[in-house]
Amino acid sequence: MPASPFPPEVVRAVTAHMNDDHADDTLLICRALGGRPDAESARMTGLDGAGGDYVAVVGGAEVPVRIPWSEPLTERAQIRREVVRMYREACRRLGLAPRGETEH
């Protein structure tokens, strides 16, 4: 596996932001895109240019989840766009309206 294009401080900042400010979004992403519809909670634990790493709690046990990006990422700005895309895709798959959008 090639080295991550993101230094440890970027990984720490992104995972802290996701876990502190977007825990509900992370759970939706793991349920819909990570194959864990039974997840009770989830947190982001890491990322690299190919995908994001999560831990989902299923039946009280922690389960690792790896979700690939839609394309390889090489720049920090791409992470936000990809996570927003994943959140919207998760909402679509789960039949939920993303924040700021209403059903038509």
PDB file of N, CA and C in Angstrom:
ATOM      1  N   MET A   1       0.853  -1.179   0.000  1.00  0.00           N
ATOM      2  CA  MET A   1       0.000   0.000   0.000  1.00  0.00           C
ATOM      3  C   MET A   1       0.898   1.241   0.000  1.00  0.00           C
ATOM      4  N   PRO A   2       0.611   2.197  -0.891  1.00  0.00           N
ATOM      5  CA  PRO A   2       1.421   3.416  -0.916  1.00  0.00           C
ATOM      6  C   PRO A   2       1.219   4.238   0.356  1.00  0.00           C
ATOM      7  N   ALA A   3       2.191   5.057   0.646  1.00  0.00           N
ATOM      8  CA  ALA A   3       2.100   5.925   1.819  1.00  0.00           C
ATOM      9  C   ALA A   3       0.929   6.884   1.669  1.00  0.00           C
ATOM     10  N   SER A   4       0.334   7.242   2.775  1.00  0.00           N
ATOM     11  CA  SER A   4      -0.781   8.182   2.755  1.00  0.00           C
ATOM     12  C   SER A   4      -0.286   9.565   2.337  1.00  0.00           C
ATOM     13  N   PRO A   5      -1.081  10.264   1.517  1.00  0.00           N
ATOM     14  CA  PRO A   5      -0.698  11.631   1.161  1.00  0.00           C
ATOM     15  C   PRO A   5      -0.974  12.623   2.285  1.00  0.00           C
ATOM     16  N   PHE A   6      -1.597  12.138   3.373  1.00  0.00           N
ATOM     17  CA  PHE A   6      -1.989  13.033   4.462  1.00  0.00           C
ATOM     18  C   PHE A   6      -1.116  12.810   5.687  1.00  0.00           C
ATOM     19  N   PRO A   7      -0.454  13.866   6.167  1.00  0.00           N
ATOM     20  CA  PRO A   7       0.382  13.723   7.360  1.00  0.00           C
ATOM     21  C   PRO A   7      -0.471  13.451   8.598  1.00  0.00           C
ATOM     22  N   PRO A   8       0.143  12.891   9.645  1.00  0.00           N
ATOM     23  CA  PRO A   8      -0.603  12.537  10.849  1.00  0.00           C
ATOM     24  C   PRO A   8      -1.435  13.678  11.433  1.00  0.00           C
ATOM     25  N   GLU A   9      -0.933  14.912  11.366  1.00  0.00           N
ATOM     26  CA  GLU A   9      -1.704  16.025  11.952  1.00  0.00           C
ATOM     27  C   GLU A   9      -3.006  16.278  11.177  1.00  0.00           C
ATOM     28  N   VAL A  10      -3.006  16.044   9.871  1.00  0.00           N
ATOM     29  CA  VAL A  10      -4.237  16.188   9.081  1.00  0.00           C
ATOM     30  C   VAL A  10      -5.213  15.076   9.447  1.00  0.00           C
ATOM     31  N   VAL A  11      -4.716  13.861   9.557  1.00  0.00           N
ATOM     32  CA  VAL A  11      -5.569  12.729   9.932  1.00  0.00           C
ATOM     33  C   VAL A  11      -6.191  12.982  11.304  1.00  0.00           C
ATOM     34  N   ARG A  12      -5.380  13.443  12.251  1.00  0.00           N
ATOM     35  CA  ARG A  12      -5.899  13.740  13.598  1.00  0.00           C
ATOM     36  C   ARG A  12      -6.963  14.821  13.552  1.00  0.00           C
ATOM     37  N   ALA A  13      -6.724  15.879  12.791  1.00  0.00           N
ATOM     38  CA  ALA A  13      -7.687  16.990  12.708  1.00  0.00           C
ATOM     39  C   ALA A  13      -8.996  16.538  12.074  1.00  0.00           C
ATOM     40  N   VAL A  14      -8.914  15.783  10.997  1.00  0.00           N
ATOM     41  CA  VAL A  14     -10.132  15.331  10.317  1.00  0.00           C
ATOM     42  C   VAL A  14     -10.915  14.358  11.196  1.00  0.00           C
ATOM     43  N   THR A  15     -10.238  13.389  11.788  1.00  0.00           N
ATOM     44  CA  THR A  15     -10.964  12.420  12.616  1.00  0.00           C
ATOM     45  C   THR A  15     -11.563  13.099  13.848  1.00  0.00           C
ATOM     46  N   ALA A  16     -10.837  14.025  14.461  1.00  0.00           N
ATOM     47  CA  ALA A  16     -11.393  14.744  15.615  1.00  0.00           C
ATOM     48  C   ALA A  16     -12.622  15.547  15.205  1.00  0.00           C
ATOM     49  N   HIS A  17     -12.550  16.224  14.079  1.00  0.00           N
ATOM     50  CA  HIS A  17     -13.692  17.011  13.592  1.00  0.00           C
ATOM     51  C   HIS A  17     -14.893  16.104  13.333  1.00  0.00           C
ATOM     52  N   MET A  18     -14.670  15.000  12.648  1.00  0.00           N
ATOM     53  CA  MET A  18     -15.781  14.088  12.350  1.00  0.00           C
ATOM     54  C   MET A  18     -16.388  13.528  13.638  1.00  0.00           C
ATOM     55  N   ASN A  19     -15.557  13.137  14.573  1.00  0.00           N
ATOM     56  CA  ASN A  19     -16.059  12.524  15.802  1.00  0.00           C
ATOM     57  C   ASN A  19     -16.683  13.539  16.748  1.00  0.00           C
ATOM     58  N   ASP A  20     -16.157  14.754  16.769  1.00  0.00           N
ATOM     59  CA  ASP A  20     -16.689  15.774  17.676  1.00  0.00           C
ATOM     60  C   ASP A  20     -17.917  16.491  17.100  1.00  0.00           C
ATOM     61  N   ASP A  21     -17.891  16.756  15.799  1.00  0.00           N
ATOM     62  CA  ASP A  21     -18.941  17.582  15.193  1.00  0.00           C
ATOM     63  C   ASP A  21     -19.906  16.832  14.285  1.00  0.00           C
ATOM     64  N   HIS A  22     -19.542  15.626  13.857  1.00  0.00           N
ATOM     65  CA  HIS A  22     -20.377  14.913  12.881  1.00  0.00           C
ATOM     66  C   HIS A  22     -20.552  13.435  13.232  1.00  0.00           C
ATOM     67  N   ALA A  23     -20.721  13.139  14.507  1.00  0.00           N
ATOM     68  CA  ALA A  23     -20.871  11.743  14.937  1.00  0.00           C
ATOM     69  C   ALA A  23     -22.092  11.089  14.296  1.00  0.00           C
ATOM     70  N   ASP A  24     -23.193  11.820  14.192  1.00  0.00           N
ATOM     71  CA  ASP A  24     -24.401  11.255  13.577  1.00  0.00           C
ATOM     72  C   ASP A  24     -24.173  10.960  12.098  1.00  0.00           C
ATOM     73  N   ASP A  25     -23.451  11.839  11.403  1.00  0.00           N
ATOM     74  CA  ASP A  25     -23.152  11.621   9.989  1.00  0.00           C
ATOM     75  C   ASP A  25     -22.257  10.393   9.824  1.00  0.00           C
ATOM     76  N   THR A  26     -21.284  10.246  10.704  1.00  0.00           N
ATOM     77  CA  THR A  26     -20.385   9.097  10.656  1.00  0.00           C
ATOM     78  C   THR A  26     -21.168   7.804  10.830  1.00  0.00           C
ATOM     79  N   LEU A  27     -22.122   7.808  11.732  1.00  0.00           N
ATOM     80  CA  LEU A  27     -22.956   6.623  11.944  1.00  0.00           C
ATOM     81  C   LEU A  27     -23.760   6.301  10.686  1.00  0.00           C
ATOM     82  N   LEU A  28     -24.369   7.311  10.083  1.00  0.00           N
ATOM     83  CA  LEU A  28     -25.126   7.082   8.844  1.00  0.00           C
ATOM     84  C   LEU A  28     -24.233   6.518   7.739  1.00  0.00           C
ATOM     85  N   ILE A  29     -23.033   7.076   7.613  1.00  0.00           N
ATOM     86  CA  ILE A  29     -22.091   6.612   6.589  1.00  0.00           C
ATOM     87  C   ILE A  29     -21.732   5.144   6.829  1.00  0.00           C
ATOM     88  N   CYS A  30     -21.449   4.774   8.063  1.00  0.00           N
ATOM     89  CA  CYS A  30     -21.101   3.378   8.359  1.00  0.00           C
ATOM     90  C   CYS A  30     -22.286   2.445   8.146  1.00  0.00           C
ATOM     91  N   ARG A  31     -23.475   2.895   8.498  1.00  0.00           N
ATOM     92  CA  ARG A  31     -24.656   2.060   8.290  1.00  0.00           C
ATOM     93  C   ARG A  31     -24.920   1.831   6.804  1.00  0.00           C
ATOM     94  N   ALA A  32     -24.880   2.898   6.018  1.00  0.00           N
ATOM     95  CA  ALA A  32     -25.285   2.803   4.609  1.00  0.00           C
ATOM     96  C   ALA A  32     -24.159   2.385   3.670  1.00  0.00           C
ATOM     97  N   LEU A  33     -22.945   2.860   3.905  1.00  0.00           N
ATOM     98  CA  LEU A  33     -21.850   2.609   2.966  1.00  0.00           C
ATOM     99  C   LEU A  33     -20.832   1.601   3.493  1.00  0.00           C
ATOM    100  N   GLY A  34     -20.852   1.364   4.782  1.00  0.00           N
ATOM    101  CA  GLY A  34     -19.869   0.469   5.382  1.00  0.00           C
ATOM    102  C   GLY A  34     -20.385  -0.926   5.665  1.00  0.00           C
ATOM    103  N   GLY A  35     -21.609  -1.197   5.211  1.00  0.00           N
ATOM    104  CA  GLY A  35     -22.150  -2.537   5.402  1.00  0.00           C
ATOM    105  C   GLY A  35     -22.514  -2.861   6.832  1.00  0.00           C
ATOM    106  N   ARG A  36     -22.781  -1.838   7.623  1.00  0.00           N
ATOM    107  CA  ARG A  36     -23.125  -2.046   9.028  1.00  0.00           C
ATOM    108  C   ARG A  36     -24.464  -1.388   9.376  1.00  0.00           C
ATOM    109  N   PRO A  37     -25.557  -1.862   8.773  1.00  0.00           N
ATOM    110  CA  PRO A  37     -26.862  -1.254   9.064  1.00  0.00           C
ATOM    111  C   PRO A  37     -27.276  -1.403  10.525  1.00  0.00           C
ATOM    112  N   ASP A  38     -26.623  -2.330  11.229  1.00  0.00           N
ATOM    113  CA  ASP A  38     -26.932  -2.602  12.628  1.00  0.00           C
ATOM    114  C   ASP A  38     -26.048  -1.824  13.599  1.00  0.00           C
ATOM    115  N   ALA A  39     -25.231  -0.904  13.084  1.00  0.00           N
ATOM    116  CA  ALA A  39     -24.332  -0.145  13.956  1.00  0.00           C
ATOM    117  C   ALA A  39     -25.115   0.721  14.931  1.00  0.00           C
ATOM    118  N   GLU A  40     -24.678   0.699  16.179  1.00  0.00           N
ATOM    119  CA  GLU A  40     -25.298   1.506  17.234  1.00  0.00           C
ATOM    120  C   GLU A  40     -24.618   2.864  17.352  1.00  0.00           C
ATOM    121  N   SER A  41     -23.337   2.888  17.078  1.00  0.00           N
ATOM    122  CA  SER A  41     -22.553   4.121  17.066  1.00  0.00           C
ATOM    123  C   SER A  41     -21.334   3.858  16.192  1.00  0.00           C
ATOM    124  N   ALA A  42     -20.641   4.934  15.845  1.00  0.00           N
ATOM    125  CA  ALA A  42     -19.443   4.788  15.007  1.00  0.00           C
ATOM    126  C   ALA A  42     -18.547   5.991  15.218  1.00  0.00           C
ATOM    127  N   ARG A  43     -17.265   5.769  14.969  1.00  0.00           N
ATOM    128  CA  ARG A  43     -16.305   6.870  15.010  1.00  0.00           C
ATOM    129  C   ARG A  43     -15.265   6.646  13.920  1.00  0.00           C
ATOM    130  N   MET A  44     -14.741   7.740  13.411  1.00  0.00           N
ATOM    131  CA  MET A  44     -13.685   7.677  12.412  1.00  0.00           C
ATOM    132  C   MET A  44     -12.359   7.531  13.139  1.00  0.00           C
ATOM    133  N   THR A  45     -11.541   6.587  12.677  1.00  0.00           N
ATOM    134  CA  THR A  45     -10.275   6.330  13.346  1.00  0.00           C
ATOM    135  C   THR A  45      -9.057   6.661  12.494  1.00  0.00           C
ATOM    136  N   GLY A  46      -9.260   6.867  11.194  1.00  0.00           N
ATOM    137  CA  GLY A  46      -8.131   7.180  10.335  1.00  0.00           C
ATOM    138  C   GLY A  46      -8.569   7.355   8.898  1.00  0.00           C
ATOM    139  N   LEU A  47      -7.615   7.717   8.052  1.00  0.00           N
ATOM    140  CA  LEU A  47      -7.892   7.857   6.628  1.00  0.00           C
ATOM    141  C   LEU A  47      -6.583   7.898   5.875  1.00  0.00           C
ATOM    142  N   ASP A  48      -6.681   7.597   4.594  1.00  0.00           N
ATOM    143  CA  ASP A  48      -5.548   7.738   3.702  1.00  0.00           C
ATOM    144  C   ASP A  48      -6.103   8.116   2.336  1.00  0.00           C
ATOM    145  N   GLY A  49      -5.299   8.063   1.324  1.00  0.00           N
ATOM    146  CA  GLY A  49      -5.746   8.478   0.011  1.00  0.00           C
ATOM    147  C   GLY A  49      -6.775   7.573  -0.625  1.00  0.00           C
ATOM    148  N   ALA A  50      -6.916   6.353  -0.108  1.00  0.00           N
ATOM    149  CA  ALA A  50      -7.838   5.375  -0.690  1.00  0.00           C
ATOM    150  C   ALA A  50      -9.167   5.272   0.038  1.00  0.00           C
ATOM    151  N   GLY A  51      -9.231   5.660   1.315  1.00  0.00           N
ATOM    152  CA  GLY A  51     -10.487   5.521   2.045  1.00  0.00           C
ATOM    153  C   GLY A  51     -10.384   5.949   3.487  1.00  0.00           C
ATOM    154  N   GLY A  52     -11.507   5.798   4.175  1.00  0.00           N
ATOM    155  CA  GLY A  52     -11.593   6.146   5.585  1.00  0.00           C
ATOM    156  C   GLY A  52     -11.744   4.901   6.445  1.00  0.00           C
ATOM    157  N   ASP A  53     -11.187   4.949   7.642  1.00  0.00           N
ATOM    158  CA  ASP A  53     -11.276   3.856   8.604  1.00  0.00           C
ATOM    159  C   ASP A  53     -12.166   4.288   9.761  1.00  0.00           C
ATOM    160  N   TYR A  54     -13.022   3.364  10.177  1.00  0.00           N
ATOM    161  CA  TYR A  54     -14.003   3.621  11.224  1.00  0.00           C
ATOM    162  C   TYR A  54     -14.038   2.430  12.172  1.00  0.00           C
ATOM    163  N   VAL A  55     -14.617   2.660  13.328  1.00  0.00           N
ATOM    164  CA  VAL A  55     -14.977   1.590  14.242  1.00  0.00           C
ATOM    165  C   VAL A  55     -16.456   1.781  14.517  1.00  0.00           C
ATOM    166  N   ALA A  56     -17.235   0.723  14.241  1.00  0.00           N
ATOM    167  CA  ALA A  56     -18.668   0.742  14.532  1.00  0.00           C
ATOM    168  C   ALA A  56     -18.924  -0.163  15.723  1.00  0.00           C
ATOM    169  N   VAL A  57     -19.869   0.220  16.560  1.00  0.00           N
ATOM    170  CA  VAL A  57     -20.275  -0.635  17.667  1.00  0.00           C
ATOM    171  C   VAL A  57     -21.517  -1.389  17.216  1.00  0.00           C
ATOM    172  N   VAL A  58     -21.388  -2.717  17.203  1.00  0.00           N
ATOM    173  CA  VAL A  58     -22.461  -3.605  16.760  1.00  0.00           C
ATOM    174  C   VAL A  58     -22.686  -4.641  17.854  1.00  0.00           C
ATOM    175  N   GLY A  59     -23.866  -4.660  18.437  1.00  0.00           N
ATOM    176  CA  GLY A  59     -24.149  -5.607  19.516  1.00  0.00           C
ATOM    177  C   GLY A  59     -23.213  -5.439  20.693  1.00  0.00           C
ATOM    178  N   GLY A  60     -22.778  -4.199  20.919  1.00  0.00           N
ATOM    179  CA  GLY A  60     -21.890  -3.907  22.039  1.00  0.00           C
ATOM    180  C   GLY A  60     -20.415  -4.148  21.756  1.00  0.00           C
ATOM    181  N   ALA A  61     -20.090  -4.683  20.570  1.00  0.00           N
ATOM    182  CA  ALA A  61     -18.690  -4.960  20.231  1.00  0.00           C
ATOM    183  C   ALA A  61     -18.208  -3.995  19.149  1.00  0.00           C
ATOM    184  N   GLU A  62     -16.930  -3.615  19.232  1.00  0.00           N
ATOM    185  CA  GLU A  62     -16.345  -2.745  18.214  1.00  0.00           C
ATOM    186  C   GLU A  62     -15.936  -3.575  16.996  1.00  0.00           C
ATOM    187  N   VAL A  63     -16.325  -3.065  15.820  1.00  0.00           N
ATOM    188  CA  VAL A  63     -16.055  -3.753  14.560  1.00  0.00           C
ATOM    189  C   VAL A  63     -15.369  -2.762  13.620  1.00  0.00           C
ATOM    190  N   PRO A  64     -14.218  -3.130  13.036  1.00  0.00           N
ATOM    191  CA  PRO A  64     -13.570  -2.216  12.093  1.00  0.00           C
ATOM    192  C   PRO A  64     -14.363  -2.120  10.786  1.00  0.00           C
ATOM    193  N   VAL A  65     -14.387  -0.919  10.229  1.00  0.00           N
ATOM    194  CA  VAL A  65     -15.076  -0.668   8.965  1.00  0.00           C
ATOM    195  C   VAL A  65     -14.138   0.159   8.092  1.00  0.00           C
ATOM    196  N   ARG A  66     -13.957  -0.255   6.863  1.00  0.00           N
ATOM    197  CA  ARG A  66     -13.146   0.501   5.893  1.00  0.00           C
ATOM    198  C   ARG A  66     -14.067   0.872   4.736  1.00  0.00           C
ATOM    199  N   ILE A  67     -14.118   2.154   4.416  1.00  0.00           N
ATOM    200  CA  ILE A  67     -14.962   2.619   3.324  1.00  0.00           C
ATOM    201  C   ILE A  67     -14.077   3.349   2.318  1.00  0.00           C
ATOM    202  N   PRO A  68     -13.998   2.833   1.089  1.00  0.00           N
ATOM    203  CA  PRO A  68     -13.166   3.487   0.084  1.00  0.00           C
ATOM    204  C   PRO A  68     -13.786   4.799  -0.394  1.00  0.00           C
ATOM    205  N   TRP A  69     -12.925   5.744  -0.767  1.00  0.00           N
ATOM    206  CA  TRP A  69     -13.394   6.975  -1.394  1.00  0.00           C
ATOM    207  C   TRP A  69     -13.890   6.639  -2.803  1.00  0.00           C
ATOM    208  N   SER A  70     -14.620   7.523  -3.421  1.00  0.00           N
ATOM    209  CA  SER A  70     -15.095   7.302  -4.787  1.00  0.00           C
ATOM    210  C   SER A  70     -13.960   7.418  -5.800  1.00  0.00           C
ATOM    211  N   GLU A  71     -12.870   8.073  -5.384  1.00  0.00           N
ATOM    212  CA  GLU A  71     -11.672   8.197  -6.210  1.00  0.00           C
ATOM    213  C   GLU A  71     -10.502   8.468  -5.271  1.00  0.00           C
ATOM    214  N   PRO A  72      -9.277   8.221  -5.700  1.00  0.00           N
ATOM    215  CA  PRO A  72      -8.128   8.499  -4.828  1.00  0.00           C
ATOM    216  C   PRO A  72      -8.056   9.988  -4.463  1.00  0.00           C
ATOM    217  N   LEU A  73      -7.749  10.261  -3.201  1.00  0.00           N
ATOM    218  CA  LEU A  73      -7.613  11.635  -2.722  1.00  0.00           C
ATOM    219  C   LEU A  73      -6.139  11.938  -2.491  1.00  0.00           C
ATOM    220  N   THR A  74      -5.740  13.150  -2.853  1.00  0.00           N
ATOM    221  CA  THR A  74      -4.339  13.545  -2.675  1.00  0.00           C
ATOM    222  C   THR A  74      -4.200  14.869  -1.938  1.00  0.00           C
ATOM    223  N   GLU A  75      -5.298  15.636  -1.803  1.00  0.00           N
ATOM    224  CA  GLU A  75      -5.239  16.939  -1.162  1.00  0.00           C
ATOM    225  C   GLU A  75      -6.277  17.035  -0.050  1.00  0.00           C
ATOM    226  N   ARG A  76      -5.938  17.753   0.992  1.00  0.00           N
ATOM    227  CA  ARG A  76      -6.828  17.858   2.153  1.00  0.00           C
ATOM    228  C   ARG A  76      -8.216  18.374   1.773  1.00  0.00           C
ATOM    229  N   ALA A  77      -8.307  19.346   0.878  1.00  0.00           N
ATOM    230  CA  ALA A  77      -9.608  19.907   0.498  1.00  0.00           C
ATOM    231  C   ALA A  77     -10.533  18.849  -0.092  1.00  0.00           C
ATOM    232  N   GLN A  78      -9.973  17.828  -0.695  1.00  0.00           N
ATOM    233  CA  GLN A  78     -10.795  16.765  -1.281  1.00  0.00           C
ATOM    234  C   GLN A  78     -11.507  15.943  -0.212  1.00  0.00           C
ATOM    235  N   ILE A  79     -10.946  15.870   0.980  1.00  0.00           N
ATOM    236  CA  ILE A  79     -11.538  15.051   2.039  1.00  0.00           C
ATOM    237  C   ILE A  79     -12.930  15.554   2.378  1.00  0.00           C
ATOM    238  N   ARG A  80     -13.075  16.858   2.584  1.00  0.00           N
ATOM    239  CA  ARG A  80     -14.378  17.410   2.946  1.00  0.00           C
ATOM    240  C   ARG A  80     -15.407  17.125   1.865  1.00  0.00           C
ATOM    241  N   ARG A  81     -15.039  17.374   0.608  1.00  0.00           N
ATOM    242  CA  ARG A  81     -15.982  17.124  -0.490  1.00  0.00           C
ATOM    243  C   ARG A  81     -16.412  15.659  -0.527  1.00  0.00           C
ATOM    244  N   GLU A  82     -15.468  14.771  -0.309  1.00  0.00           N
ATOM    245  CA  GLU A  82     -15.781  13.345  -0.362  1.00  0.00           C
ATOM    246  C   GLU A  82     -16.649  12.921   0.810  1.00  0.00           C
ATOM    247  N   VAL A  83     -16.387  13.440   1.994  1.00  0.00           N
ATOM    248  CA  VAL A  83     -17.210  13.086   3.149  1.00  0.00           C
ATOM    249  C   VAL A  83     -18.633  13.624   2.975  1.00  0.00           C
ATOM    250  N   VAL A  84     -18.768  14.825   2.444  1.00  0.00           N
ATOM    251  CA  VAL A  84     -20.109  15.366   2.168  1.00  0.00           C
ATOM    252  C   VAL A  84     -20.820  14.487   1.137  1.00  0.00           C
ATOM    253  N   ARG A  85     -20.110  14.067   0.105  1.00  0.00           N
ATOM    254  CA  ARG A  85     -20.703  13.182  -0.900  1.00  0.00           C
ATOM    255  C   ARG A  85     -21.162  11.880  -0.255  1.00  0.00           C
ATOM    256  N   MET A  86     -20.320  11.322   0.611  1.00  0.00           N
ATOM    257  CA  MET A  86     -20.664  10.071   1.288  1.00  0.00           C
ATOM    258  C   MET A  86     -21.882  10.252   2.191  1.00  0.00           C
ATOM    259  N   TYR A  87     -21.932  11.361   2.912  1.00  0.00           N
ATOM    260  CA  TYR A  87     -23.078  11.641   3.771  1.00  0.00           C
ATOM    261  C   TYR A  87     -24.363  11.713   2.945  1.00  0.00           C
ATOM    262  N   ARG A  88     -24.316  12.438   1.836  1.00  0.00           N
ATOM    263  CA  ARG A  88     -25.503  12.559   0.986  1.00  0.00           C
ATOM    264  C   ARG A  88     -25.906  11.222   0.390  1.00  0.00           C
ATOM    265  N   GLU A  89     -24.916  10.443  -0.019  1.00  0.00           N
ATOM    266  CA  GLU A  89     -25.196   9.106  -0.556  1.00  0.00           C
ATOM    267  C   GLU A  89     -25.793   8.209   0.527  1.00  0.00           C
ATOM    268  N   ALA A  90     -25.278   8.287   1.740  1.00  0.00           N
ATOM    269  CA  ALA A  90     -25.814   7.501   2.850  1.00  0.00           C
ATOM    270  C   ALA A  90     -27.268   7.884   3.118  1.00  0.00           C
ATOM    271  N   CYS A  91     -27.551   9.175   3.132  1.00  0.00           N
ATOM    272  CA  CYS A  91     -28.932   9.627   3.339  1.00  0.00           C
ATOM    273  C   CYS A  91     -29.845   9.087   2.238  1.00  0.00           C
ATOM    274  N   ARG A  92     -29.370   9.181   0.987  1.00  0.00           N
ATOM    275  CA  ARG A  92     -30.173   8.693  -0.132  1.00  0.00           C
ATOM    276  C   ARG A  92     -30.479   7.205   0.036  1.00  0.00           C
ATOM    277  N   ARG A  93     -29.470   6.425   0.368  1.00  0.00           N
ATOM    278  CA  ARG A  93     -29.658   4.982   0.527  1.00  0.00           C
ATOM    279  C   ARG A  93     -30.586   4.638   1.684  1.00  0.00           C
ATOM    280  N   LEU A  94     -30.544   5.466   2.719  1.00  0.00           N
ATOM    281  CA  LEU A  94     -31.378   5.217   3.904  1.00  0.00           C
ATOM    282  C   LEU A  94     -32.745   5.896   3.818  1.00  0.00           C
ATOM    283  N   GLY A  95     -32.996   6.612   2.730  1.00  0.00           N
ATOM    284  CA  GLY A  95     -34.285   7.274   2.559  1.00  0.00           C
ATOM    285  C   GLY A  95     -34.457   8.494   3.447  1.00  0.00           C
ATOM    286  N   LEU A  96     -33.373   9.158   3.782  1.00  0.00           N
ATOM    287  CA  LEU A  96     -33.398  10.348   4.635  1.00  0.00           C
ATOM    288  C   LEU A  96     -33.079  11.586   3.811  1.00  0.00           C
ATOM    289  N   ALA A  97     -33.633  12.722   4.205  1.00  0.00           N
ATOM    290  CA  ALA A  97     -33.288  13.990   3.556  1.00  0.00           C
ATOM    291  C   ALA A  97     -32.035  14.543   4.228  1.00  0.00           C
ATOM    292  N   PRO A  98     -30.977  14.840   3.450  1.00  0.00           N
ATOM    293  CA  PRO A  98     -29.790  15.455   4.058  1.00  0.00           C
ATOM    294  C   PRO A  98     -30.138  16.795   4.694  1.00  0.00           C
ATOM    295  N   ARG A  99     -29.374  17.181   5.712  1.00  0.00           N
ATOM    296  CA  ARG A  99     -29.581  18.485   6.344  1.00  0.00           C
ATOM    297  C   ARG A  99     -29.614  19.575   5.281  1.00  0.00           C
ATOM    298  N   GLY A 100     -30.508  20.517   5.443  1.00  0.00           N
ATOM    299  CA  GLY A 100     -30.578  21.644   4.519  1.00  0.00           C
ATOM    300  C   GLY A 100     -31.319  21.334   3.240  1.00  0.00           C
ATOM    301  N   GLU A 101     -31.756  20.096   3.085  1.00  0.00           N
ATOM    302  CA  GLU A 101     -32.527  19.725   1.898  1.00  0.00           C
ATOM    303  C   GLU A 101     -33.844  19.137   2.354  1.00  0.00           C
ATOM    304  N   THR A 102     -34.879  19.400   1.605  1.00  0.00           N
ATOM    305  CA  THR A 102     -36.178  18.844   1.937  1.00  0.00           C
ATOM    306  C   THR A 102     -36.615  17.906   0.819  1.00  0.00           C
ATOM    307  N   GLU A 103     -37.467  16.999   1.159  1.00  0.00           N
ATOM    308  CA  GLU A 103     -38.010  16.074   0.159  1.00  0.00           C
ATOM    309  C   GLU A 103     -38.887  16.861  -0.795  1.00  0.00           C
ATOM    310  N   HIS A 104     -38.864  16.498  -2.064  1.00  0.00           N
ATOM    311  CA  HIS A 104     -39.709  17.148  -3.055  1.00  0.00           C
ATOM    312  C   HIS A 104     -40.848  16.236  -3.414  1.00  0.00           C
TER     313      HIS A 104
END
